[in-house]
Protein backbone atom coordinates (compact mmCIF):
# COMPACT_ATOMS: atom_id res chain seq x y z
CA MET A 1 -32.51 17.99 1.47
CA ASP A 2 -32.57 15.69 -1.57
CA LEU A 3 -33.30 11.95 -1.73
CA SER A 4 -29.69 10.83 -1.30
CA SER A 5 -29.26 13.07 1.77
CA ARG A 6 -32.42 11.64 3.34
CA LEU A 7 -31.22 8.09 2.68
CA LEU A 8 -27.96 8.91 4.46
CA LEU A 9 -30.00 10.37 7.31
CA LEU A 10 -31.97 7.12 7.50
CA ALA A 11 -28.71 5.22 7.95
CA GLU A 12 -27.67 7.64 10.72
CA VAL A 13 -30.94 7.15 12.60
CA VAL A 14 -30.66 3.37 12.45
CA ASP A 15 -26.98 3.39 13.48
CA ALA A 16 -27.71 5.81 16.34
CA GLY A 17 -30.61 3.66 17.56
CA SER A 18 -33.14 6.46 17.89
CA PHE A 19 -34.33 9.75 16.40
CA THR A 20 -33.24 11.56 19.55
CA ARG A 21 -29.69 10.21 19.47
CA ALA A 22 -29.38 11.01 15.75
CA ALA A 23 -30.58 14.55 16.44
CA ASP A 24 -28.02 14.93 19.24
CA LEU A 25 -25.21 13.81 16.94
CA ARG A 26 -26.29 16.36 14.33
CA HIS A 27 -26.92 19.06 16.95
CA VAL A 28 -30.45 19.66 15.72
CA ASP A 29 -33.93 19.30 17.19
CA ARG A 30 -35.53 15.87 17.04
CA SER A 31 -38.41 17.28 15.03
CA VAL A 32 -36.00 18.10 12.17
CA ILE A 33 -34.96 14.44 11.91
CA SER A 34 -38.54 13.20 12.18
CA ARG A 35 -39.73 15.61 9.50
CA GLN A 36 -37.03 14.56 7.02
CA ILE A 37 -37.68 10.85 7.58
CA GLY A 38 -41.38 11.51 7.08
CA GLN A 39 -40.58 13.24 3.80
CA LEU A 40 -38.47 10.25 2.75
CA GLU A 41 -41.39 7.91 3.46
CA LYS A 42 -43.64 10.15 1.38
CA GLU A 43 -41.17 10.16 -1.54
CA LEU A 44 -40.74 6.38 -1.48
CA GLU A 45 -44.40 5.75 -0.63
CA VAL A 46 -43.50 3.19 2.05
CA ARG A 47 -43.41 3.14 5.84
CA LEU A 48 -39.82 2.80 7.03
CA PHE A 49 -40.33 2.57 10.80
CA ASN A 50 -42.80 1.00 13.19
CA ARG A 51 -42.95 3.76 15.77
CA SER A 52 -43.88 3.44 19.43
CA THR A 53 -43.64 5.96 22.24
CA ARG A 54 -39.99 5.23 23.01
CA VAL A 55 -38.40 2.98 20.38
CA VAL A 56 -38.23 2.87 16.56
CA HIS A 57 -37.94 -0.37 14.61
CA LEU A 58 -37.42 -0.78 10.88
CA THR A 59 -40.19 -2.33 8.82
CA ASP A 60 -39.20 -5.08 6.38
CA VAL A 61 -39.00 -2.64 3.49
CA GLY A 62 -37.24 -0.16 5.77
CA ARG A 63 -34.55 -2.73 6.46
CA GLU A 64 -34.03 -3.29 2.73
CA ILE A 65 -33.75 0.42 2.08
CA TYR A 66 -31.39 0.85 5.04
CA HIS A 67 -28.95 -1.66 3.50
CA ARG A 68 -29.06 0.27 0.24
CA ALA A 69 -28.47 3.49 2.13
CA LEU A 70 -25.33 1.92 3.60
CA ARG A 71 -24.14 1.08 0.09
CA LEU A 72 -24.80 4.66 -0.97
CA ARG A 73 -22.80 5.96 1.98
CA THR A 74 -19.89 3.64 1.19
CA ALA A 75 -19.92 4.64 -2.49
CA MET A 76 -19.90 8.34 -1.60
CA GLU A 77 -17.07 7.86 0.90
CA ASP A 78 -15.05 5.87 -1.62
CA ALA A 79 -15.51 8.61 -4.23
CA ARG A 80 -14.30 11.16 -1.70
CA HIS A 81 -11.25 9.06 -0.83
CA VAL A 82 -10.35 8.65 -4.51
CA ALA A 83 -10.43 12.42 -4.87
CA GLU A 84 -8.42 12.91 -1.68
CA ALA A 85 -5.68 10.70 -3.07
CA TYR A 86 -4.98 13.43 -5.63
CA HIS A 87 -4.71 16.22 -3.07
CA SER A 88 -1.31 17.28 -1.83
CA GLU A 89 -2.71 18.06 1.64
CA PRO A 90 -5.36 16.21 3.69
CA ARG A 91 -8.69 17.98 4.16
CA GLY A 92 -11.88 17.69 6.16
CA VAL A 93 -12.57 16.08 9.54
CA LEU A 94 -10.66 13.11 10.96
CA ARG A 95 -12.59 11.03 13.53
CA ILE A 96 -10.52 8.86 15.90
CA ASN A 97 -11.42 6.61 18.82
CA ALA A 98 -8.87 5.22 21.28
CA PRO A 99 -8.68 3.54 24.71
CA THR A 100 -8.43 6.19 27.40
CA ASP A 101 -4.99 5.54 28.88
CA PHE A 102 -3.19 4.80 25.63
CA GLY A 103 -5.06 7.62 23.92
CA ARG A 104 -4.00 10.24 26.42
CA ARG A 105 -0.36 9.18 26.35
CA TYR A 106 0.24 8.63 22.65
CA VAL A 107 -2.77 9.33 20.41
CA ALA A 108 -3.35 12.86 21.73
CA PRO A 109 0.30 13.89 21.10
CA ALA A 110 0.00 12.40 17.60
CA VAL A 111 -3.11 14.55 17.03
CA GLY A 112 -1.13 17.62 18.08
CA LEU A 113 1.67 16.75 15.65
CA PHE A 114 -0.86 16.09 12.88
CA MET A 115 -2.70 19.38 13.37
CA ARG A 116 0.53 21.38 13.46
CA ARG A 117 1.52 19.88 10.12
CA PHE A 118 -1.91 20.25 8.52
CA ASN A 119 -3.49 23.45 9.78
CA ASP A 120 -6.71 23.08 7.78
CA MET A 121 -7.62 19.70 9.29
CA GLN A 122 -10.25 19.26 11.99
CA VAL A 123 -9.96 16.31 14.39
CA GLU A 124 -12.52 14.63 16.63
CA LEU A 125 -10.76 12.44 19.20
CA GLN A 126 -12.88 10.29 21.52
CA PHE A 127 -11.63 8.12 24.37
CA ASP A 128 -13.61 4.98 25.06
CA ASN A 129 -12.58 1.70 26.71
CA ALA A 130 -15.65 -0.06 25.29
CA TYR A 131 -15.63 -1.93 21.97
CA VAL A 132 -16.89 0.66 19.47
CA ASP A 133 -18.39 0.02 16.03
CA VAL A 134 -15.99 1.55 13.50
CA ILE A 135 -18.53 1.79 10.68
CA ALA A 136 -21.62 2.83 12.63
CA GLY A 137 -19.57 5.32 14.64
CA GLY A 138 -18.27 6.94 11.46
CA TYR A 139 -14.64 6.63 12.59
CA ASP A 140 -11.71 6.98 10.23
CA LEU A 141 -9.39 5.22 12.66
CA VAL A 142 -9.87 3.26 15.89
CA ILE A 143 -7.08 2.11 18.22
CA ARG A 144 -7.74 -1.26 19.83
CA ILE A 145 -5.78 -3.33 22.32
CA SER A 146 -7.30 -6.62 21.26
CA GLU A 147 -6.99 -9.23 18.55
CA PRO A 148 -8.78 -8.33 15.27
CA ARG A 149 -12.09 -10.15 14.91
CA ASP A 150 -13.96 -8.33 12.15
CA SER A 151 -12.94 -9.36 8.63
CA SER A 152 -14.74 -6.34 7.15
CA LEU A 153 -12.14 -4.03 8.72
CA ILE A 154 -8.44 -3.49 8.17
CA ALA A 155 -6.29 -4.03 11.29
CA ARG A 156 -2.64 -3.00 11.21
CA PRO A 157 -0.34 -3.63 14.19
CA LEU A 158 0.97 -0.45 15.76
CA ALA A 159 3.05 -1.79 18.64
CA SER A 160 3.57 -4.71 20.99
CA ASN A 161 1.82 -4.66 24.34
CA HIS A 162 4.17 -6.40 26.75
CA ARG A 163 3.26 -6.46 30.42
CA VAL A 164 5.71 -5.80 33.23
CA ILE A 165 5.80 -6.78 36.90
CA SER A 166 7.10 -3.79 38.81
CA ALA A 167 7.36 -2.05 42.16
CA SER A 168 8.87 1.07 43.69
CA PRO A 169 12.17 1.25 45.63
CA GLU A 170 10.12 1.81 48.80
CA PHE A 171 8.20 -1.41 48.25
CA ILE A 172 11.41 -3.34 47.52
CA GLU A 173 13.08 -1.90 50.64
CA LYS A 174 10.13 -3.02 52.77
CA TYR A 175 9.54 -6.49 51.29
CA GLY A 176 12.80 -7.33 49.54
CA LEU A 177 13.28 -8.64 45.99
CA PRO A 178 11.24 -11.82 45.39
CA GLU A 179 13.31 -14.63 43.93
CA SER A 180 10.45 -16.84 42.73
CA VAL A 181 6.84 -16.61 41.58
CA GLU A 182 5.78 -18.18 44.86
CA GLU A 183 7.48 -15.41 46.83
CA LEU A 184 6.04 -12.75 44.52
CA LEU A 185 2.44 -13.95 44.84
CA LYS A 186 2.61 -13.70 48.63
CA LEU A 187 3.35 -9.97 48.45
CA PRO A 188 0.57 -7.32 48.42
CA ALA A 189 -0.59 -6.56 44.87
CA VAL A 190 -2.79 -3.96 43.21
CA THR A 191 -5.18 -5.48 40.65
CA TYR A 192 -7.67 -4.30 38.07
CA SER A 193 -11.34 -4.96 38.82
CA ARG A 194 -14.68 -3.74 37.50
CA ASP A 195 -18.21 -5.13 37.51
CA ASP A 196 -17.68 -7.51 34.58
CA LEU A 197 -13.94 -8.19 34.80
CA THR A 198 -11.43 -8.96 37.54
CA LEU A 199 -7.77 -9.53 36.66
CA ASP A 200 -6.50 -11.13 39.86
CA TYR A 201 -4.34 -13.93 38.38
CA LEU A 202 -0.80 -13.89 37.00
CA HIS A 203 -0.49 -15.91 33.78
CA TYR A 204 3.07 -17.08 33.07
CA TYR A 205 5.09 -19.91 31.53
CA ASP A 206 6.43 -22.60 33.85
CA ASP A 207 9.56 -24.70 33.33
CA ASN A 208 7.61 -26.99 30.98
CA ASN A 209 6.72 -24.05 28.72
CA THR A 210 3.09 -24.34 29.80
CA ILE A 211 0.99 -21.32 30.71
CA VAL A 212 -0.12 -21.52 34.33
CA ARG A 213 -1.81 -19.02 36.58
CA GLY A 214 -1.22 -17.97 40.13
CA ALA A 215 -3.58 -15.90 42.26
CA PHE A 216 -2.46 -12.43 43.32
CA ASN A 217 -2.56 -11.44 46.98
CA SER A 218 -4.80 -8.49 46.12
CA HIS A 219 -4.63 -5.80 48.78
CA PHE A 220 -6.06 -3.09 46.54
CA ARG A 221 -8.51 -3.36 43.63
CA THR A 222 -9.54 -0.56 41.30
CA ASN A 223 -10.99 -0.04 37.83
CA GLU A 224 -8.66 2.90 37.13
CA PRO A 225 -5.18 2.04 35.76
CA GLU A 226 -3.79 5.44 36.74
CA VAL A 227 -4.72 4.73 40.35
CA MET A 228 -2.93 1.40 40.09
CA VAL A 229 0.24 3.19 39.00
CA ARG A 230 -0.04 5.65 41.89
CA ALA A 231 -0.43 2.81 44.39
CA MET A 232 2.75 1.28 43.01
CA LEU A 233 4.65 4.57 43.05
CA VAL A 234 3.99 5.19 46.75
CA GLY A 235 5.03 1.66 47.67
CA LEU A 236 1.64 0.24 48.71
CA CYS A 237 1.72 -2.67 46.28
CA TYR A 238 3.43 -4.17 43.29
CA GLY A 239 1.50 -4.55 40.04
CA VAL A 240 1.44 -6.10 36.58
CA MET A 241 0.63 -3.60 33.84
CA SER A 242 1.10 -2.84 30.17
CA ALA A 243 4.53 -1.36 29.60
CA PHE A 244 3.08 1.74 27.88
CA MET A 245 1.52 2.75 31.22
CA LEU A 246 4.93 2.77 32.90
CA GLU A 247 7.20 4.67 30.51
CA GLU A 248 7.78 7.72 32.75
CA PRO A 249 8.20 5.86 36.10
CA PHE A 250 10.79 3.51 34.56
CA ARG A 251 12.59 6.34 32.82
CA ASP A 252 12.73 8.36 36.05
CA GLY A 253 13.79 5.42 38.24
CA LYS A 254 10.56 5.43 40.26
CA LEU A 255 9.63 1.85 39.37
CA PHE A 256 11.75 -1.24 38.80
CA PRO A 257 10.95 -4.67 37.34
CA LEU A 258 10.43 -7.73 39.52
CA LEU A 259 11.38 -11.21 38.25
CA PRO A 260 12.44 -9.82 34.84
CA GLU A 261 13.41 -13.30 33.68
CA LEU A 262 9.86 -14.61 34.15
CA ARG A 263 8.02 -15.11 30.85
CA LEU A 264 4.50 -13.77 31.09
CA ALA A 265 1.70 -15.06 28.88
CA PRO A 266 1.31 -12.90 25.76
CA SER A 267 -1.26 -10.14 25.74
CA PRO A 268 -3.01 -8.64 22.67
CA ASP A 269 -0.97 -6.14 20.67
CA ILE A 270 -2.06 -2.59 19.89
CA TYR A 271 -3.80 -2.26 16.52
CA MET A 272 -4.92 0.51 14.20
CA VAL A 273 -8.32 -0.38 12.76
CA TYR A 274 -10.10 1.33 9.89
CA PRO A 275 -12.85 0.57 7.34
CA HIS A 276 -12.03 -1.84 4.53
CA ARG A 277 -11.71 0.37 1.46
CA GLU A 278 -9.74 0.20 -1.75
CA PHE A 279 -8.39 3.70 -1.08
CA LEU A 280 -7.14 4.67 2.36
CA SER A 281 -7.95 8.35 2.76
CA LEU A 282 -5.05 10.77 2.68
CA LYS A 283 -6.01 12.23 6.07
CA THR A 284 -5.97 8.78 7.71
CA ARG A 285 -2.69 7.86 6.05
CA ARG A 286 -1.01 11.06 7.19
CA PHE A 287 -2.29 10.66 10.75
CA ILE A 288 -1.03 7.07 10.90
CA GLU A 289 2.40 8.42 9.94
CA CYS A 290 2.23 10.90 12.84
CA LEU A 291 1.10 8.21 15.27
CA GLN A 292 3.90 5.87 14.21
CA GLU A 293 6.35 8.73 14.65
CA ILE A 294 5.16 9.35 18.21
CA VAL A 295 5.12 5.65 19.18
CA GLY A 296 8.31 4.70 17.36
CA GLU A 297 9.84 1.32 16.53
CA PRO A 298 10.53 -0.27 18.92
CA PRO A 299 7.89 1.55 20.98
CA VAL A 300 9.24 4.45 22.98
CA TRP A 301 8.05 2.91 26.24
CA GLU A 302 10.14 -0.21 25.63
CA ARG A 303 13.20 1.88 24.84
CA ASN A 304 12.85 3.38 28.31
CA MET A 305 12.64 -0.02 29.99
CA PRO A 306 15.90 -1.39 31.44
CA ARG A 307 17.28 -4.28 29.42
CA ILE A 308 16.90 -7.68 31.08
CA SER A 309 20.61 -8.32 30.64
CA MET A 310 21.30 -5.22 32.74
CA LEU A 311 18.99 -6.45 35.49
CA GLN A 312 20.74 -9.71 36.32
CA GLY A 313 21.93 -9.43 39.91
CA TYR A 314 20.43 -5.95 40.06
CA ASN A 315 19.61 -4.56 43.50
CA PRO A 316 17.94 -1.12 43.40
CA MET A 317 18.60 -0.61 47.11
CA ALA A 318 22.35 -1.19 46.85
């Protein structure tokens, strides 16, 4: 391993947070990582880490060298992307991260389409609902359902993320169609809840065009969106969810909208996020094309939603 390779390894160790984690990511023994970092310290004649029994921390000079290692990594990646721009076919490994539910429904099919078109490509697809670091994670593309907040990254909108109030025919037969928000909020609802987040309020526009909130009558709480959908399908509760979660039930007539004329407060759109580079790699560009083909414009899930104009006076039990 030469000096440049050891500098890149240094950046990996720091980004991973430990020698052990870096070794796991490389699928090698921890001693291999430790030995190479030791060799780097010998070559540079400086101590890069203050080591303890469990944690490693950069020394002052180690921090300076780490920042230069990041520049080296960026320069090498940029050189590779310039070369890729002249290839007729994408090559190498494409690393993608996406939220679990959206990823399973739309990103995974896009990966299948991409790999069928480009047989030599390798893809690493990870599902994660946490906020991941695009750069430190080494991702070529990350899908986020949140507003962009990092100016060092490129964020391109992929699709809108409208939410829908819906229930099954069984639920509507039992409770009737609510004619107002007040009636709706008295009915049993399924809501999303985890340790650090509980979504038990409906945010909507009132007659004064002001966003107000009303508390759900939560009969069932869960941190699993798929379970929420199942609770709605069997008629236990109504729910408010992103439209992309409900494409199949709406298409198959298993769920119907409630209060379709009610304007809900906007929710963050779905974005494609990737590192800020002068040259977008050919592999990322081609995958984005596949993803856009799968999602469509307007999004396929919205095309399968009944039009509001068709819902006026609609009674699914008639």
